């Protein structure tokens, strides 16, 4: 089983346990909203543009709400669990699902987990951690382009990524999964440590990050 499929299955199991009204880290979204988002991005490509393009966000939100309210929450989660249909770009070619959805599903799984009381970080398989680190290495400059300060990402073993060149700069240290969540804008829920001027750290912690 690929990591994308494993994250999808674990997320769907969690959604089934929590029901449609549990909170998530996605501002304004319940678990039902998040499930509808996943269905939309894989099955309603005509409406997916608003995920990234602000001018199209109204249409995307309208379609997402229709998906959320079209049937039962169990049916909605079952649709997520099925994964991308074969006709979609994610299901058409071997390997595309793993390439596109591994990190997406990991982050959204944590969006649900870490919005619940008593959460703790979970163990991430070593090979998945290396995938995360590789994606951070190639995408950090894009993800931190709006950072108001310089950023260096550092693993506990000392490996580093220069995410943004600027002064003052902050060194953010954590496991790859935690750094990934940080880079996707989940700063308040990522278990990381900081080295740098306190004012610069605070600016980074409250910055809008991500794609």
Protein backbone atom coordinates (compact mmCIF):
# COMPACT_ATOMS: atom_id res chain seq x y z
CA UNK A 1 0.00 0.00 0.00
CA UNK A 2 1.32 3.46 -0.89
CA UNK A 3 1.60 6.14 1.75
CA UNK A 4 -1.14 8.10 -0.05
CA UNK A 5 -3.53 5.16 0.28
CA UNK A 6 -2.55 4.56 3.89
CA UNK A 7 -3.14 8.21 4.82
CA UNK A 8 -6.46 8.18 2.96
CA UNK A 9 -7.64 5.07 4.81
CA UNK A 10 -6.56 6.39 8.21
CA UNK A 11 -8.17 9.78 7.58
CA UNK A 12 -11.44 8.17 6.50
CA UNK A 13 -11.47 5.93 9.57
CA UNK A 14 -11.01 9.03 11.73
CA UNK A 15 -13.76 10.91 9.91
CA UNK A 16 -16.13 8.00 10.44
CA UNK A 17 -15.37 8.03 14.18
CA UNK A 18 -15.74 11.78 14.62
CA UNK A 19 -18.78 12.46 12.47
CA UNK A 20 -19.55 15.52 10.32
CA UNK A 21 -19.39 18.32 12.89
CA UNK A 22 -15.93 17.91 14.47
CA UNK A 23 -13.47 20.79 14.18
CA UNK A 24 -10.43 20.87 11.89
CA UNK A 25 -7.42 23.14 11.62
CA UNK A 26 -8.83 24.55 8.37
CA UNK A 27 -10.43 27.81 9.46
CA UNK A 28 -14.21 27.63 9.29
CA UNK A 29 -14.30 24.00 8.19
CA UNK A 30 -15.82 21.05 9.99
CA UNK A 31 -14.93 17.48 9.13
CA UNK A 32 -17.81 17.48 6.61
CA UNK A 33 -16.35 20.52 4.86
CA UNK A 34 -12.91 18.92 4.68
CA UNK A 35 -14.33 15.67 3.27
CA UNK A 36 -16.27 17.64 0.65
CA UNK A 37 -13.09 19.51 -0.28
CA UNK A 38 -11.29 16.22 -0.94
CA UNK A 39 -14.12 14.97 -3.12
CA UNK A 40 -14.20 18.24 -5.06
CA UNK A 41 -10.47 18.31 -5.82
CA UNK A 42 -10.57 14.73 -7.18
CA UNK A 43 -13.97 14.61 -8.88
CA UNK A 44 -15.03 18.16 -9.76
CA UNK A 45 -12.07 19.48 -11.65
CA UNK A 46 -14.30 22.17 -13.18
CA UNK A 47 -14.65 23.69 -9.70
CA UNK A 48 -11.17 23.05 -8.31
CA UNK A 49 -9.64 26.27 -9.61
CA UNK A 50 -10.94 28.25 -6.66
CA UNK A 51 -8.74 26.28 -4.29
CA UNK A 52 -5.78 28.31 -5.54
CA UNK A 53 -7.34 31.24 -7.46
CA UNK A 54 -9.19 33.75 -5.31
CA UNK A 55 -11.37 35.01 -8.16
CA UNK A 56 -12.84 31.52 -8.56
CA UNK A 57 -13.27 30.80 -4.85
CA UNK A 58 -16.98 31.63 -4.77
CA UNK A 59 -17.85 28.98 -7.32
CA UNK A 60 -15.62 26.43 -5.63
CA UNK A 61 -17.27 27.08 -2.27
CA UNK A 62 -20.74 26.74 -3.81
CA UNK A 63 -19.90 23.37 -5.39
CA UNK A 64 -18.20 22.17 -2.20
CA UNK A 65 -21.32 22.97 -0.16
CA UNK A 66 -23.48 21.09 -2.66
CA UNK A 67 -21.21 18.06 -2.35
CA UNK A 68 -21.34 18.28 1.45
CA UNK A 69 -25.13 18.42 1.52
CA UNK A 70 -25.88 15.96 -1.30
CA UNK A 71 -26.20 12.87 0.92
CA UNK A 72 -25.17 11.34 4.19
CA UNK A 73 -21.80 11.97 5.79
CA UNK A 74 -21.07 8.26 5.62
CA UNK A 75 -21.59 8.31 1.85
CA UNK A 76 -19.35 11.37 1.59
CA UNK A 77 -16.55 9.67 3.50
CA UNK A 78 -17.00 6.51 1.42
CA UNK A 79 -16.46 8.60 -1.71
CA UNK A 80 -13.22 9.97 -0.24
CA UNK A 81 -12.20 6.43 0.69
CA UNK A 82 -12.65 5.22 -2.89
CA UNK A 83 -9.90 7.55 -4.04
CA UNK A 84 -9.66 9.32 -7.37
CA UNK A 85 -11.70 7.84 -10.23
CA UNK A 86 -9.81 6.35 -13.14
CA UNK A 87 -10.85 9.18 -15.46
CA UNK A 88 -9.31 11.88 -13.27
CA UNK A 89 -5.69 13.04 -13.61
CA UNK A 90 -5.00 11.50 -10.19
CA UNK A 91 -6.24 8.08 -11.23
CA UNK A 92 -5.37 8.00 -14.92
CA UNK A 93 -1.66 7.21 -14.69
CA UNK A 94 0.20 4.94 -12.24
CA UNK A 95 2.04 6.88 -9.58
CA UNK A 96 0.15 10.17 -9.94
CA UNK A 97 -1.97 9.53 -6.85
CA UNK A 98 1.13 8.96 -4.72
CA UNK A 99 2.90 11.96 -6.24
CA UNK A 100 0.03 14.41 -5.78
CA UNK A 101 -1.87 13.11 -2.77
CA UNK A 102 0.69 11.80 -0.27
CA UNK A 103 1.41 15.15 1.35
CA UNK A 104 -2.11 16.52 0.79
CA UNK A 105 -3.66 13.62 2.67
CA UNK A 106 -1.03 13.66 5.40
CA UNK A 107 -1.64 17.35 6.08
CA UNK A 108 -5.43 16.98 6.06
CA UNK A 109 -5.22 13.89 8.28
CA UNK A 110 -3.29 16.03 10.76
CA UNK A 111 -5.78 18.88 10.27
CA UNK A 112 -8.39 16.58 11.78
CA UNK A 113 -6.19 14.85 14.37
CA UNK A 114 -4.66 18.02 15.79
CA UNK A 115 -7.97 19.84 16.10
CA UNK A 116 -9.11 17.29 18.69
CA UNK A 117 -8.29 17.42 22.39
CA UNK A 118 -5.31 15.45 23.63
CA UNK A 119 -3.56 14.94 20.29
CA UNK A 120 0.09 13.96 20.13
CA UNK A 121 2.42 13.63 17.15
CA UNK A 122 2.40 10.18 15.60
CA UNK A 123 5.30 8.14 14.34
CA UNK A 124 5.97 8.70 10.64
CA UNK A 125 7.57 5.86 8.64
CA UNK A 126 11.17 6.62 7.75
CA UNK A 127 10.62 6.42 4.00
CA UNK A 128 7.64 8.79 4.24
CA UNK A 129 9.76 11.22 6.27
CA UNK A 130 12.35 11.18 3.47
CA UNK A 131 9.62 11.89 0.89
CA UNK A 132 8.52 14.86 3.00
CA UNK A 133 12.09 16.13 3.28
CA UNK A 134 12.63 15.78 -0.46
CA UNK A 135 9.43 17.71 -1.23
CA UNK A 136 10.41 20.40 1.26
CA UNK A 137 13.82 20.66 -0.39
CA UNK A 138 12.24 21.32 -3.78
CA UNK A 139 9.26 23.40 -2.64
CA UNK A 140 10.34 25.38 0.41
CA UNK A 141 11.14 28.58 -1.46
CA UNK A 142 7.63 28.62 -2.90
CA UNK A 143 5.98 27.76 0.41
CA UNK A 144 7.90 30.44 2.32
CA UNK A 145 7.77 33.12 -0.38
CA UNK A 146 5.49 35.28 1.79
CA UNK A 147 7.59 34.91 4.93
CA UNK A 148 8.58 38.32 6.35
CA UNK A 149 11.89 36.89 7.62
CA UNK A 150 14.55 34.49 6.42
CA UNK A 151 13.93 30.82 7.17
CA UNK A 152 16.16 27.78 7.55
CA UNK A 153 14.50 24.40 8.12
CA UNK A 154 16.57 21.97 10.17
CA UNK A 155 16.10 18.34 11.10
CA UNK A 156 17.25 17.04 14.50
CA UNK A 157 20.14 15.27 12.73
CA UNK A 158 21.44 18.62 11.48
CA UNK A 159 20.38 18.50 7.83
CA UNK A 160 19.15 21.90 6.63
CA UNK A 161 17.12 23.55 3.90
CA UNK A 162 17.43 27.23 3.08
CA UNK A 163 13.76 28.11 2.65
CA UNK A 164 14.09 31.89 2.33
CA UNK A 165 17.15 34.12 2.20
CA UNK A 166 16.62 37.28 4.23
CA UNK A 167 17.74 38.90 7.44
CA UNK A 168 16.91 38.52 10.19
CA UNK A 169 16.44 34.78 9.79
CA UNK A 170 14.93 32.06 11.95
CA UNK A 171 16.05 28.43 12.16
CA UNK A 172 13.04 26.13 12.59
CA UNK A 173 13.93 22.66 13.87
CA UNK A 174 11.72 19.59 13.82
CA UNK A 175 11.03 16.24 12.22
CA UNK A 176 10.10 16.38 8.53
CA UNK A 177 6.39 15.89 9.21
CA UNK A 178 6.36 18.77 11.66
CA UNK A 179 8.31 21.02 9.30
CA UNK A 180 5.90 20.11 6.51
CA UNK A 181 2.90 21.17 8.62
CA UNK A 182 4.73 24.37 9.52
CA UNK A 183 5.41 25.09 5.86
CA UNK A 184 1.73 24.52 5.02
CA UNK A 185 0.72 27.24 7.47
CA UNK A 186 -0.06 25.13 10.53
CA UNK A 187 2.56 26.92 12.64
CA UNK A 188 0.57 26.83 15.88
CA UNK A 189 0.16 23.05 15.72
CA UNK A 190 3.60 21.99 14.49
CA UNK A 191 5.97 20.64 17.14
CA UNK A 192 9.07 22.64 16.27
CA UNK A 193 11.64 24.80 18.04
CA UNK A 194 13.05 28.16 17.00
CA UNK A 195 16.46 29.83 16.98
CA UNK A 196 16.45 33.51 16.22
CA UNK A 197 15.43 36.94 17.37
CA UNK A 198 12.13 36.68 19.32
CA UNK A 199 10.49 39.38 17.22
CA UNK A 200 11.47 37.58 14.01
CA UNK A 201 10.17 34.28 15.40
CA UNK A 202 6.83 35.88 16.19
CA UNK A 203 6.55 37.36 12.71
CA UNK A 204 7.23 33.96 11.19
CA UNK A 205 4.78 32.17 13.51
CA UNK A 206 1.96 34.48 12.41
CA UNK A 207 2.86 34.73 8.71
CA UNK A 208 0.69 33.33 5.96
CA UNK A 209 2.59 30.37 4.57
CA UNK A 210 1.90 27.56 2.14
CA UNK A 211 1.14 27.21 -1.55
